[in-house]
């Protein structure tokens, strides 16, 4: 009787999980864990495996959301989501893709910090206080700088970094 009840519950859990209803699947799994006998090793093992499946599905779902936001150019959203991504809960292929995307975002962060620092250095060192029009242009460049524009600013960053190194 317990085995038949467990089979029904795990079938319901798999249905909910495959449908993408992760919270409902989790609730079903919690009810099964509470109601089914805790002394039955087979049931306990099935519950443990189901929890791992649920965690992996949650990781995949979060990764899909990150990819969608990245493709849509929602870089700030990706930045927020990627911090909460548990790479260890993803399969190896997805984990390597996630690690590569995280590395890209870390590189972009460094480039944006360099842009801010170097543009201020050049503005103060070479020309003194900028003329109003140049100040507005520099502010616009910094405000508009993002992952999709940093490649075009790479020559500036390289030359400005060399200049900064020569000043030291």
Protein backbone atom coordinates (compact mmCIF):
# COMPACT_ATOMS: atom_id res chain seq x y z
CA UNK A 1 0.00 0.00 0.00
CA UNK A 2 2.79 2.45 0.87
CA UNK A 3 4.63 1.56 -2.32
CA UNK A 4 1.55 2.26 -4.48
CA UNK A 5 0.97 5.56 -2.67
CA UNK A 6 4.64 6.48 -3.11
CA UNK A 7 4.50 5.64 -6.83
CA UNK A 8 1.46 7.89 -7.29
CA UNK A 9 3.11 10.74 -5.42
CA UNK A 10 6.35 10.46 -7.37
CA UNK A 11 4.41 10.34 -10.65
CA UNK A 12 2.59 13.53 -9.61
CA UNK A 13 5.93 15.08 -8.60
CA UNK A 14 7.53 14.24 -11.98
CA UNK A 15 4.51 15.64 -13.83
CA UNK A 16 4.72 18.93 -11.92
CA UNK A 17 8.49 19.08 -12.33
CA UNK A 18 8.37 18.42 -16.08
CA UNK A 19 5.63 21.02 -16.42
CA UNK A 20 7.91 23.63 -14.86
CA UNK A 21 5.78 24.06 -11.74
CA UNK A 22 8.71 23.77 -9.39
CA UNK A 23 7.08 25.16 -6.26
CA UNK A 24 4.09 22.83 -6.66
CA UNK A 25 6.48 19.93 -7.24
CA UNK A 26 8.36 20.90 -4.09
CA UNK A 27 5.15 21.04 -2.09
CA UNK A 28 4.16 17.59 -3.36
CA UNK A 29 7.57 16.24 -2.44
CA UNK A 30 7.36 17.78 1.04
CA UNK A 31 3.93 16.21 1.57
CA UNK A 32 5.25 12.86 0.40
CA UNK A 33 8.23 13.13 2.76
CA UNK A 34 5.91 13.95 5.66
CA UNK A 35 3.25 11.31 4.92
CA UNK A 36 5.27 8.33 3.70
CA UNK A 37 7.08 6.05 6.14
CA UNK A 38 10.50 7.39 7.05
CA UNK A 39 11.80 3.94 7.89
CA UNK A 40 11.53 2.62 4.33
CA UNK A 41 15.01 3.09 2.83
CA UNK A 42 13.78 2.83 -0.77
CA UNK A 43 11.24 5.64 -0.28
CA UNK A 44 13.80 7.77 1.55
CA UNK A 45 16.28 7.30 -1.33
CA UNK A 46 13.61 8.20 -3.90
CA UNK A 47 12.77 11.38 -1.98
CA UNK A 48 16.45 12.33 -1.83
CA UNK A 49 16.87 11.76 -5.57
CA UNK A 50 13.71 13.75 -6.26
CA UNK A 51 15.07 16.68 -4.22
CA UNK A 52 18.24 16.65 -6.32
CA UNK A 53 16.11 16.62 -9.49
CA UNK A 54 14.11 19.57 -8.19
CA UNK A 55 17.27 21.55 -7.39
CA UNK A 56 18.70 20.86 -10.84
CA UNK A 57 15.43 21.88 -12.49
CA UNK A 58 15.43 25.12 -10.49
CA UNK A 59 19.01 25.78 -11.59
CA UNK A 60 18.12 25.10 -15.24
CA UNK A 61 15.10 27.38 -15.00
CA UNK A 62 17.18 30.17 -13.49
CA UNK A 63 19.86 29.68 -16.16
CA UNK A 64 17.23 29.94 -18.91
CA UNK A 65 15.99 33.19 -17.37
CA UNK A 66 19.56 34.52 -17.29
CA UNK A 67 20.12 33.58 -20.94
CA UNK A 68 16.88 35.23 -22.00
CA UNK A 69 17.77 38.44 -20.15
CA UNK A 70 21.28 38.39 -21.63
CA UNK A 71 19.97 37.97 -25.19
CA UNK A 72 17.49 40.79 -24.58
CA UNK A 73 20.31 43.10 -23.50
CA UNK A 74 19.07 43.35 -19.91
CA UNK A 75 22.58 43.40 -18.51
CA UNK A 76 21.68 44.78 -15.10
CA UNK A 77 19.08 42.05 -14.63
CA UNK A 78 21.61 39.39 -15.66
CA UNK A 79 24.08 40.87 -13.20
CA UNK A 80 21.53 40.49 -10.39
CA UNK A 81 20.41 36.99 -11.38
CA UNK A 82 23.83 35.55 -12.00
CA UNK A 83 24.95 36.30 -8.44
CA UNK A 84 22.31 33.89 -7.10
CA UNK A 85 23.05 31.11 -9.57
CA UNK A 86 24.26 27.93 -7.89
CA UNK A 87 26.61 26.50 -10.52
CA UNK A 88 27.09 23.29 -8.56
CA UNK A 89 23.42 22.44 -9.15
CA UNK A 90 23.78 22.57 -12.93
CA UNK A 91 24.94 19.81 -15.23
CA UNK A 92 28.51 20.14 -16.49
CA UNK A 93 27.69 21.64 -19.92
CA UNK A 94 25.40 24.32 -18.51
CA UNK A 95 27.81 24.97 -15.63
CA UNK A 96 30.63 25.69 -18.07
CA UNK A 97 28.39 28.04 -20.09
CA UNK A 98 27.36 29.82 -16.89
CA UNK A 99 30.98 30.13 -15.75
CA UNK A 100 31.92 31.63 -19.13
CA UNK A 101 29.08 34.16 -18.93
CA UNK A 102 30.04 35.05 -15.36
CA UNK A 103 33.63 35.63 -16.50
CA UNK A 104 32.38 37.92 -19.29
CA UNK A 105 30.37 39.98 -16.82
CA UNK A 106 33.33 40.22 -14.44
CA UNK A 107 35.53 41.43 -17.31
CA UNK A 108 32.91 43.98 -18.32
CA UNK A 109 32.72 45.22 -14.73
CA UNK A 110 36.49 45.70 -14.68
CA UNK A 111 36.37 47.53 -18.00
CA UNK A 112 33.61 49.85 -16.78
CA UNK A 113 35.59 50.66 -13.63
CA UNK A 114 38.68 51.28 -15.75
CA UNK A 115 36.69 53.54 -18.08
CA UNK A 116 35.45 55.65 -15.19
CA UNK A 117 38.88 55.88 -13.56
CA UNK A 118 40.82 56.53 -16.76
CA UNK A 119 38.43 59.07 -18.23
CA UNK A 120 38.60 61.05 -14.98
CA UNK A 121 42.41 60.76 -14.95
CA UNK A 122 42.74 61.98 -18.53
CA UNK A 123 40.26 64.76 -18.06
CA UNK A 124 42.02 66.10 -14.98
CA UNK A 125 45.60 65.47 -16.11
CA UNK A 126 45.59 66.61 -19.71
CA UNK A 127 43.04 69.36 -20.01
CA UNK A 128 42.26 70.47 -16.48
CA UNK A 129 38.60 71.12 -15.83
CA UNK A 130 36.71 70.12 -18.97
CA UNK A 131 34.75 72.59 -21.01
CA UNK A 132 31.00 72.19 -20.49
CA UNK A 133 30.43 70.47 -23.83
CA UNK A 134 33.24 67.95 -23.22
CA UNK A 135 32.02 67.32 -19.69
CA UNK A 136 28.57 66.46 -21.06
CA UNK A 137 30.11 64.22 -23.74
CA UNK A 138 32.29 62.38 -21.21
CA UNK A 139 29.31 61.87 -18.91
CA UNK A 140 27.26 60.51 -21.83
CA UNK A 141 30.02 58.11 -22.82
CA UNK A 142 30.30 56.81 -19.26
CA UNK A 143 26.51 56.53 -18.92
CA UNK A 144 26.14 54.76 -22.26
CA UNK A 145 29.04 52.40 -21.71
CA UNK A 146 27.93 48.84 -21.27
CA UNK A 147 28.70 45.33 -22.42
CA UNK A 148 27.49 46.07 -25.93
CA UNK A 149 29.69 49.20 -26.33
CA UNK A 150 32.85 48.29 -24.44
CA UNK A 151 34.45 46.66 -27.49
CA UNK A 152 34.42 50.02 -29.27
CA UNK A 153 36.03 51.68 -26.25
CA UNK A 154 38.83 49.12 -25.97
CA UNK A 155 41.39 51.24 -27.90
CA UNK A 156 40.71 54.17 -25.55
CA UNK A 157 41.08 51.94 -22.49
CA UNK A 158 44.37 50.54 -23.77
CA UNK A 159 45.92 53.92 -24.58
CA UNK A 160 44.64 55.50 -21.37
CA UNK A 161 46.02 52.61 -19.30
CA UNK A 162 49.40 53.06 -20.97
CA UNK A 163 49.29 56.78 -20.19
CA UNK A 164 48.39 56.04 -16.58
CA UNK A 165 51.31 53.63 -16.34
CA UNK A 166 53.71 56.27 -17.73
CA UNK A 167 52.55 58.78 -15.12
CA UNK A 168 53.54 56.42 -12.31
